[in-house]
Amino acid sequence: MKIPTRHPENATRGTQRRAGLKQRLTATIAFALFSLSGAQARTWTSADGVKTFEGELRSYDPATGVVGVTLATGAALNFHRNKLAAADIAYLNGKGAVSPAPLSSSPASSGGGASAKDVPTVLPDPDGKEADMSKPVQVFILMGQSNMVGLGNLATLEEAVKTKGKYPYLVDDAGKWTERKDVRNVFIMSLNLQHNDWMSVSNRDKVGLEYGIGHYLGTAIDAPVMILKSCIGNRSLGWDLLPPGSEPYEFDGKMNPGYRGTPGDPKGNGEKSSEWYAGKQYDDDVEGAKQILTDLNTYYPGAKKYEVGGFFFWQGEKDCGSAAHSENYEKNLVQFIKQLRKDFDAPNAKFVLATLGEAKKGEGGNKGKVTDAQLAVDGKDGKYKEFKGNVSTVYANPYCHGGGGNSHYGGNCETYMDTAEAMGKAMVELLKSR
């Protein structure tokens, strides 16, 4: 089946915007590197002797000349040694090669067939190499509502990279957006293809979770990786995304539909209704992802086979608006996890979800119920033994930089990127747990 593609934006305008962005990044990256301050261990001086900053040497590769420094804020900077004064270069030459410390020490086989290796504390820039296509593509399916769609404004990402030194793997030494040739970035929305290309920010004006997740998985997995996003905004787990196997239930004297039921016929007959029904978006999102995988070579050139390695889920805003949906969120979430594995014939696929960024542990109301439900399925700290080692919940509140899910966190890319990195790390740990 041919998947319809959205109408592209004006190509000339997009090219000019990207060219302007790259020029601005190139012109300002050196200044950004030397205008930040606050770490420890050593004072570094710019090549012209004008700027200095405090930072701890994290890594140094004499062959490429790339230096890694960590500031006290935790921000990581990667830059070429030619931006430094002669005394600093002499210091580096005296130190020799310095390797970044890994997060952990022992790689292990993943439950979904992929092999996850150690990931440096700060991700390296992509090496530009293609993946080993003799191995199956490791597919990770992203689902949820509008914040999984991704509504971070690109301007806030530019600021985070240029002035705060965050996410250094997104830009190269020349200040241009990097591109991963081993991670495919595919997005389908309600059976309409949105994009199909390599993982890069260069051709986007909005940012979602796929960038932080994709770079972590691309670094950790020695196989082709596909980030396959299938979702749309304003959808609830208790209605639109209700999974198969969900039965009608009574709440506050009213019957709520089960899977493929409707308000007028809560039970339904198991068939798709001509009107919107419970689970309609679940059906569309699963069907859309399967259409992509059925035509694998179109969406990952050269690929012949794949394995579903895991799922990512960021959702819950709409369910917070319904007492019935928030009350039943945990039951629906457990069924959602089980059913996705069944529908994609991936019983060992890992599952990572995140709480709403603005939600806090222990708060009451509908939001508290949704948050408690999301934390309850965590395989390490939750109450479901069957999810041990294969489900992880990221508590996203520490990564929220203001605003809430319904306002898309004010479009702040740092909320999206920090949450994504945490989810990517969580998936890597699950893949190594077996």
Protein backbone atom coordinates (compact mmCIF):
# COMPACT_ATOMS: atom_id res chain seq x y z
CA MET A 1 0.00 0.00 0.00
CA LYS A 2 1.35 3.40 -0.98
CA ILE A 3 1.43 5.77 1.98
CA PRO A 4 0.40 9.35 1.14
CA THR A 5 3.01 11.99 1.82
CA ARG A 6 2.26 15.47 3.15
CA HIS A 7 2.82 18.39 0.84
CA PRO A 8 6.42 19.67 1.26
CA GLU A 9 7.12 23.24 2.32
CA ASN A 10 8.63 25.70 -0.08
CA ALA A 11 12.00 24.09 -0.89
CA THR A 12 13.84 27.32 -1.65
CA ARG A 13 12.71 28.91 1.57
CA GLY A 14 13.67 25.83 3.57
CA THR A 15 17.11 25.70 1.95
CA GLN A 16 17.72 29.36 2.72
CA ARG A 17 16.63 28.88 6.32
CA ARG A 18 18.95 25.91 6.82
CA ALA A 19 21.85 27.72 5.17
CA GLY A 20 21.30 30.73 7.39
CA LEU A 21 21.12 28.52 10.46
CA LYS A 22 24.40 26.79 9.62
CA GLN A 23 26.11 30.14 9.00
CA ARG A 24 24.92 31.45 12.35
CA LEU A 25 26.06 28.30 14.10
CA THR A 26 29.48 28.41 12.45
CA ALA A 27 29.96 32.09 13.26
CA THR A 28 28.97 31.78 16.91
CA ILE A 29 30.20 28.37 18.01
CA ALA A 30 33.72 29.54 18.90
CA PHE A 31 32.36 32.43 20.96
CA ALA A 32 29.95 30.10 22.76
CA LEU A 33 32.73 27.76 23.70
CA PHE A 34 34.72 30.49 25.39
CA SER A 35 31.95 32.59 26.89
CA LEU A 36 30.66 29.86 29.20
CA SER A 37 32.02 29.60 32.71
CA GLY A 38 31.69 27.85 36.03
CA ALA A 39 33.43 24.46 36.12
CA GLN A 40 36.59 23.39 37.87
CA ALA A 41 40.08 21.99 37.50
CA ARG A 42 41.61 24.23 34.83
CA THR A 43 41.38 27.66 33.24
CA TRP A 44 41.36 27.42 29.46
CA THR A 45 42.27 30.31 27.16
CA SER A 46 41.16 30.98 23.60
CA ALA A 47 43.69 31.05 20.78
CA ASP A 48 43.54 34.85 20.60
CA GLY A 49 44.06 35.15 24.37
CA VAL A 50 40.86 37.16 24.85
CA LYS A 51 38.47 34.62 26.34
CA THR A 52 38.89 32.20 29.26
CA PHE A 53 36.66 29.65 30.92
CA GLU A 54 36.89 27.06 33.71
CA GLY A 55 36.41 23.43 32.85
CA GLU A 56 37.56 19.88 33.58
CA LEU A 57 39.20 17.89 30.79
CA ARG A 58 36.89 15.01 29.92
CA SER A 59 38.45 13.62 26.75
CA TYR A 60 41.12 14.32 24.16
CA ASP A 61 41.85 12.59 20.87
CA PRO A 62 45.32 13.60 19.56
CA ALA A 63 44.55 12.09 16.15
CA THR A 64 41.52 14.28 15.46
CA GLY A 65 42.39 17.15 17.80
CA VAL A 66 38.94 17.05 19.41
CA VAL A 67 38.85 18.14 23.05
CA GLY A 68 36.02 17.41 25.50
CA VAL A 69 35.55 19.62 28.57
CA THR A 70 32.88 19.49 31.29
CA LEU A 71 31.72 22.68 33.00
CA ALA A 72 30.53 22.90 36.59
CA THR A 73 26.97 23.19 35.31
CA GLY A 74 27.33 19.73 33.83
CA ALA A 75 27.32 21.09 30.28
CA ALA A 76 29.76 19.33 27.97
CA LEU A 77 31.77 21.05 25.25
CA ASN A 78 33.49 19.44 22.28
CA PHE A 79 35.83 21.58 20.16
CA HIS A 80 39.07 21.43 18.19
CA ARG A 81 42.35 22.18 19.96
CA ASN A 82 43.14 24.95 17.46
CA LYS A 83 40.64 27.11 19.34
CA LEU A 84 42.98 27.02 22.37
CA ALA A 85 46.07 28.98 23.34
CA ALA A 86 49.52 27.44 22.84
CA ALA A 87 49.89 26.72 26.57
CA ASP A 88 46.66 24.69 26.58
CA ILE A 89 47.73 22.76 23.49
CA ALA A 90 51.02 21.97 25.20
CA TYR A 91 49.08 20.76 28.25
CA LEU A 92 46.98 18.47 26.05
CA ASN A 93 50.04 17.08 24.28
CA GLY A 94 51.53 16.31 27.66
CA LYS A 95 48.40 14.46 28.75
CA GLY A 96 48.12 12.41 25.58
CA ALA A 97 44.93 10.56 24.70
CA VAL A 98 42.16 10.83 27.31
CA SER A 99 39.12 8.57 26.97
CA PRO A 100 35.71 9.56 28.41
CA ALA A 101 34.47 7.45 31.31
CA PRO A 102 31.70 4.98 30.35
CA LEU A 103 28.37 4.75 32.13
CA SER A 104 28.93 1.09 32.92
CA SER A 105 31.40 -1.65 32.16
CA SER A 106 29.86 -4.76 30.67
CA PRO A 107 27.91 -5.05 27.43
CA ALA A 108 25.18 -7.63 27.25
CA SER A 109 22.76 -9.13 24.79
CA SER A 110 19.40 -7.40 24.54
CA GLY A 111 16.03 -9.06 24.90
CA GLY A 112 14.98 -8.01 21.39
CA GLY A 113 18.02 -9.34 19.58
CA ALA A 114 20.18 -6.20 19.55
CA SER A 115 23.46 -5.92 21.42
CA ALA A 116 23.81 -2.79 23.53
CA LYS A 117 27.30 -1.60 24.36
CA ASP A 118 28.64 0.93 26.83
CA VAL A 119 27.71 4.54 26.13
CA PRO A 120 30.07 7.40 27.04
CA THR A 121 28.88 9.91 29.62
CA VAL A 122 28.74 12.47 26.82
CA LEU A 123 27.79 11.13 23.40
CA PRO A 124 30.37 11.48 20.63
CA ASP A 125 29.60 13.10 17.31
CA PRO A 126 28.32 10.62 14.71
CA ASP A 127 31.18 9.11 12.70
CA GLY A 128 29.28 9.37 9.40
CA LYS A 129 29.56 5.64 8.76
CA GLU A 130 26.70 3.50 7.53
CA ALA A 131 25.44 0.60 9.61
CA ASP A 132 26.33 -3.04 9.03
CA MET A 133 23.41 -4.04 6.82
CA SER A 134 24.08 -7.75 7.29
CA LYS A 135 22.35 -7.33 10.66
CA PRO A 136 18.61 -6.90 11.16
CA VAL A 137 17.37 -3.34 11.58
CA GLN A 138 16.53 -2.69 15.23
CA VAL A 139 13.19 -0.89 15.21
CA PHE A 140 12.00 1.30 18.07
CA ILE A 141 8.40 2.47 17.86
CA LEU A 142 7.43 5.81 19.43
CA MET A 143 3.80 6.40 20.39
CA GLY A 144 1.83 8.95 22.40
CA GLN A 145 0.14 12.27 21.73
CA SER A 146 1.27 15.81 20.81
CA ASN A 147 4.46 15.93 22.87
CA MET A 148 5.59 12.68 21.29
CA VAL A 149 4.78 14.27 17.92
CA GLY A 150 7.28 16.93 19.03
CA LEU A 151 6.60 20.65 19.30
CA GLY A 152 9.89 22.03 20.56
CA ASN A 153 10.91 25.22 18.72
CA LEU A 154 14.19 24.93 16.84
CA ALA A 155 15.34 28.38 18.04
CA THR A 156 15.47 27.09 21.62
CA LEU A 157 17.64 24.18 20.51
CA GLU A 158 20.05 26.57 18.77
CA GLU A 159 20.35 28.50 22.01
CA ALA A 160 20.91 25.36 24.10
CA VAL A 161 23.64 24.13 21.77
CA LYS A 162 25.36 27.46 21.06
CA THR A 163 25.24 29.27 24.39
CA LYS A 164 24.87 26.45 26.91
CA GLY A 165 27.04 23.79 25.30
CA LYS A 166 24.33 21.13 25.56
CA TYR A 167 23.85 18.20 23.17
CA PRO A 168 27.28 18.62 21.47
CA TYR A 169 26.67 15.53 19.32
CA LEU A 170 24.06 17.51 17.35
CA VAL A 171 26.69 19.80 15.77
CA ASP A 172 30.09 19.15 14.24
CA ASP A 173 33.29 21.18 14.67
CA ALA A 174 32.15 23.58 11.95
CA GLY A 175 28.87 24.25 13.76
CA LYS A 176 26.74 22.33 11.25
CA TRP A 177 24.01 19.94 12.32
CA THR A 178 25.30 16.36 12.32
CA GLU A 179 23.65 13.47 10.49
CA ARG A 180 23.59 9.84 11.55
CA LYS A 181 23.90 7.41 8.66
CA ASP A 182 23.15 4.47 10.93
CA VAL A 183 19.81 5.70 12.34
CA ARG A 184 16.75 6.13 10.17
CA ASN A 185 14.11 8.66 11.25
CA VAL A 186 10.60 7.80 10.07
CA PHE A 187 7.36 9.47 11.15
CA ILE A 188 3.84 8.49 10.12
CA MET A 189 0.74 10.25 11.45
CA SER A 190 -2.70 8.67 11.04
CA LEU A 191 -1.49 6.70 8.00
CA ASN A 192 0.12 9.77 6.36
CA LEU A 193 3.90 9.83 6.00
CA GLN A 194 5.51 12.92 7.53
CA HIS A 195 9.19 12.22 6.94
CA ASN A 196 11.63 9.47 6.03
CA ASP A 197 15.34 10.34 6.24
CA TRP A 198 18.52 10.01 8.27
CA MET A 199 18.64 11.30 11.83
CA SER A 200 19.46 15.03 11.68
CA VAL A 201 18.02 18.32 12.87
CA SER A 202 19.03 20.10 9.66
CA ASN A 203 15.72 19.62 7.86
CA ARG A 204 13.35 20.33 10.76
CA ASP A 205 11.73 23.35 12.40
CA LYS A 206 10.26 21.37 15.32
CA VAL A 207 12.01 19.02 17.72
CA GLY A 208 10.68 15.90 19.42
CA LEU A 209 12.06 13.01 21.46
CA GLU A 210 13.49 11.16 18.47
CA TYR A 211 16.79 13.08 18.46
CA GLY A 212 17.91 12.32 22.00
CA ILE A 213 16.58 8.76 21.79
CA GLY A 214 18.00 8.12 18.32
CA HIS A 215 21.51 9.28 19.14
CA TYR A 216 21.69 7.18 22.31
CA LEU A 217 20.48 4.05 20.55
CA GLY A 218 22.67 4.69 17.51
CA THR A 219 25.70 4.93 19.76
CA ALA A 220 24.83 1.90 21.88
CA ILE A 221 23.64 -0.57 19.24
CA ASP A 222 26.03 -2.11 16.72
CA ALA A 223 23.32 -2.60 14.12
CA PRO A 224 21.07 -0.47 11.90
CA VAL A 225 18.51 1.46 13.96
CA MET A 226 15.14 2.82 12.91
CA ILE A 227 13.22 5.32 15.00
CA LEU A 228 9.63 4.79 13.85
CA LYS A 229 7.21 7.36 15.24
CA SER A 230 3.50 6.68 14.78
CA CYS A 231 1.27 9.09 16.67
CA ILE A 232 -0.88 12.23 16.59
CA GLY A 233 -1.90 14.82 19.17
CA ASN A 234 -4.92 15.10 21.47
CA ARG A 235 -5.40 11.39 22.09
CA SER A 236 -6.22 9.59 25.35
CA LEU A 237 -5.26 6.09 26.41
CA GLY A 238 -8.73 5.61 27.89
CA TRP A 239 -10.50 6.22 24.57
CA ASP A 240 -8.54 6.85 21.36
CA LEU A 241 -5.55 4.60 22.18
CA LEU A 242 -7.51 1.98 24.12
CA PRO A 243 -5.86 -1.35 23.26
CA PRO A 244 -7.51 -4.60 22.20
CA GLY A 245 -8.64 -6.70 25.13
CA SER A 246 -10.10 -3.73 27.01
CA GLU A 247 -13.63 -4.40 28.22
CA PRO A 248 -16.43 -1.87 28.85
CA TYR A 249 -16.61 -0.64 32.43
CA GLU A 250 -18.91 1.44 34.60
CA PHE A 251 -17.73 4.65 36.20
CA ASP A 252 -19.89 7.06 38.17
CA GLY A 253 -23.05 5.39 36.87
CA LYS A 254 -22.02 5.56 33.22
CA MET A 255 -20.81 2.79 30.93
CA ASN A 256 -17.51 3.52 29.21
CA PRO A 257 -16.77 1.72 25.93
CA GLY A 258 -14.36 -1.17 25.61
CA TYR A 259 -12.11 -1.68 22.60
CA ARG A 260 -14.00 -0.92 19.37
CA GLY A 261 -17.05 0.10 21.34
CA THR A 262 -18.83 3.45 21.05
CA PRO A 263 -20.81 5.58 23.53
CA GLY A 264 -24.01 4.19 22.03
CA ASP A 265 -22.72 0.62 21.94
CA PRO A 266 -20.02 0.22 24.63
CA LYS A 267 -19.44 -3.46 23.88
CA GLY A 268 -19.32 -3.18 20.11
CA ASN A 269 -19.13 -6.24 17.89
CA GLY A 270 -15.37 -6.48 17.51
CA GLU A 271 -15.42 -4.75 14.13
CA LYS A 272 -14.34 -1.24 13.21
CA SER A 273 -17.21 1.22 13.37
CA SER A 274 -17.93 3.89 10.75
CA GLU A 275 -17.90 6.43 13.60
CA TRP A 276 -15.00 7.15 15.92
CA TYR A 277 -14.67 4.26 18.33
CA ALA A 278 -12.60 3.30 21.38
CA GLY A 279 -9.16 2.27 20.14
CA LYS A 280 -9.45 3.90 16.71
CA GLN A 281 -6.14 5.70 17.12
CA TYR A 282 -4.50 2.54 18.45
CA ASP A 283 -5.58 0.75 15.29
CA ASP A 284 -4.32 3.56 13.05
CA ASP A 285 -0.97 3.93 14.81
CA VAL A 286 -0.28 0.20 14.76
CA GLU A 287 -1.39 -0.11 11.15
CA GLY A 288 0.77 2.84 10.12
CA ALA A 289 3.87 1.38 11.75
CA LYS A 290 3.21 -2.01 10.17
CA GLN A 291 2.86 -0.43 6.73
CA ILE A 292 6.33 1.07 7.14
CA LEU A 293 7.81 -2.27 8.20
CA THR A 294 6.10 -4.14 5.36
CA ASP A 295 7.99 -1.96 2.87
CA LEU A 296 11.23 -1.96 4.87
CA ASN A 297 13.69 -1.21 2.06
CA THR A 298 11.86 2.04 1.21
CA TYR A 299 12.28 3.31 4.74
CA TYR A 300 15.71 1.85 5.47
CA PRO A 301 17.59 1.51 2.17
CA GLY A 302 19.39 -1.80 1.88
CA ALA A 303 17.52 -3.43 4.77
CA LYS A 304 16.23 -6.97 4.34
CA LYS A 305 14.99 -7.86 7.81
CA TYR A 306 14.12 -6.20 11.10
CA GLU A 307 13.41 -6.85 14.76
CA VAL A 308 11.25 -4.69 17.01
CA GLY A 309 13.66 -3.91 19.82
CA GLY A 310 11.43 -1.68 21.89
CA PHE A 311 8.68 0.88 22.36
CA PHE A 312 8.67 4.44 23.72
CA PHE A 313 5.55 6.12 25.10
CA TRP A 314 4.99 9.72 26.26
CA GLN A 315 1.34 10.50 26.86
CA GLY A 316 -1.27 11.21 29.51
CA GLU A 317 -2.34 14.85 29.21
CA LYS A 318 -5.74 14.10 27.76
CA ASP A 319 -6.47 11.32 30.26
CA CYS A 320 -5.89 13.84 33.06
CA GLY A 321 -8.98 15.65 31.82
CA SER A 322 -11.24 12.69 32.53
CA ALA A 323 -11.97 11.20 35.94
CA ALA A 324 -12.86 7.87 34.34
CA HIS A 325 -9.76 7.70 32.16
CA SER A 326 -7.35 8.72 34.92
CA GLU A 327 -8.92 6.23 37.33
CA ASN A 328 -8.40 3.40 34.83
CA TYR A 329 -5.08 4.58 33.40
CA GLU A 330 -2.98 1.92 35.11
CA LYS A 331 -5.16 -0.96 33.91
CA ASN A 332 -5.17 0.44 30.37
CA LEU A 333 -1.40 1.03 30.40
CA VAL A 334 -0.65 -2.53 31.46
CA GLN A 335 -2.85 -3.85 28.65
CA PHE A 336 -1.28 -1.37 26.20
CA ILE A 337 2.22 -2.69 26.90
CA LYS A 338 1.18 -6.32 26.58
CA GLN A 339 -0.89 -5.78 23.44
CA LEU A 340 1.81 -3.88 21.55
CA ARG A 341 4.23 -6.73 22.09
CA LYS A 342 1.60 -9.15 20.85
CA ASP A 343 0.61 -7.10 17.80
CA PHE A 344 4.22 -6.72 16.66
CA ASP A 345 5.16 -10.30 17.54
CA ALA A 346 7.85 -8.94 19.85
CA PRO A 347 7.37 -10.57 23.29
CA ASN A 348 10.85 -9.54 24.41
CA ALA A 349 10.72 -5.94 23.19
CA LYS A 350 11.59 -3.42 25.88
CA PHE A 351 9.21 -0.61 26.86
CA VAL A 352 10.18 2.86 28.13
CA LEU A 353 7.68 5.54 29.10
CA ALA A 354 7.96 8.94 30.76
CA THR A 355 5.70 10.75 33.18
CA LEU A 356 4.33 14.18 32.30
CA GLY A 357 7.05 16.78 32.75
CA GLU A 358 5.01 19.02 35.02
CA ALA A 359 3.64 16.16 37.15
CA LYS A 360 5.10 15.59 40.62
CA LYS A 361 5.17 12.44 42.71
CA GLY A 362 2.53 12.43 45.39
CA GLU A 363 0.25 15.09 43.92
CA GLY A 364 -3.47 14.44 43.98
CA GLY A 365 -6.25 14.68 41.45
CA ASN A 366 -6.40 13.14 38.02
CA LYS A 367 -2.81 14.05 37.22
CA GLY A 368 -1.64 12.29 40.36
CA LYS A 369 -3.53 9.15 39.38
CA VAL A 370 -1.97 9.12 35.91
CA THR A 371 1.51 9.70 37.36
CA ASP A 372 1.07 6.97 39.96
CA ALA A 373 -0.07 4.57 37.24
CA GLN A 374 2.95 5.36 35.08
CA LEU A 375 5.32 4.79 37.99
CA ALA A 376 3.51 1.59 38.97
CA VAL A 377 4.50 -0.24 35.77
CA ASP A 378 8.23 0.48 36.18
CA GLY A 379 9.96 -2.89 36.25
CA LYS A 380 12.44 -1.87 38.94
CA ASP A 381 10.27 0.01 41.41
CA GLY A 382 6.74 -0.85 40.31
CA LYS A 383 4.41 -3.63 41.35
CA TYR A 384 4.34 -5.81 38.21
CA LYS A 385 6.93 -8.58 38.47
CA GLU A 386 6.43 -9.51 34.82
CA PHE A 387 7.82 -6.09 33.84
CA LYS A 388 11.07 -6.51 35.74
CA GLY A 389 13.99 -5.90 33.39
CA ASN A 390 11.81 -5.00 30.42
CA VAL A 391 9.76 -1.90 31.38
CA SER A 392 11.20 1.37 32.65
CA THR A 393 9.44 4.58 33.68
CA VAL A 394 11.37 7.85 33.48
CA TYR A 395 10.27 10.42 36.06
CA ALA A 396 10.37 13.46 33.78
CA ASN A 397 9.77 16.27 36.26
CA PRO A 398 13.50 17.01 36.77
CA TYR A 399 13.83 17.50 33.00
CA CYS A 400 10.98 19.99 32.68
CA HIS A 401 12.12 23.56 31.95
CA GLY A 402 8.76 25.18 32.59
CA GLY A 403 5.22 24.98 31.30
CA GLY A 404 3.11 21.88 31.04
CA GLY A 405 2.24 19.17 28.59
CA ASN A 406 -0.92 20.84 27.31
CA SER A 407 1.08 23.96 26.40
CA HIS A 408 3.87 21.79 24.95
CA TYR A 409 6.30 23.05 27.59
CA GLY A 410 6.39 26.46 25.97
CA GLY A 411 8.14 24.94 22.97
CA ASN A 412 11.35 24.60 25.00
CA CYS A 413 13.54 22.03 23.28
CA GLU A 414 15.52 21.38 26.43
CA THR A 415 12.48 19.69 27.99
CA TYR A 416 12.15 17.45 24.93
CA MET A 417 15.88 16.74 24.63
CA ASP A 418 16.56 16.13 28.34
CA THR A 419 13.54 13.82 28.60
CA ALA A 420 14.59 12.04 25.42
CA GLU A 421 18.13 11.50 26.63
CA ALA A 422 16.82 10.04 29.89
CA MET A 423 14.51 7.72 27.97
CA GLY A 424 17.32 6.71 25.61
CA LYS A 425 19.56 5.88 28.57
CA ALA A 426 16.76 3.87 30.16
CA MET A 427 16.30 1.83 26.99
CA VAL A 428 20.02 1.15 26.72
CA GLU A 429 20.04 -0.15 30.30
CA LEU A 430 17.10 -2.45 29.53
CA LEU A 431 18.80 -3.74 26.41
CA LYS A 432 21.86 -4.60 28.48
CA SER A 433 19.92 -6.20 31.32
CA ARG A 434 19.48 -9.65 29.84
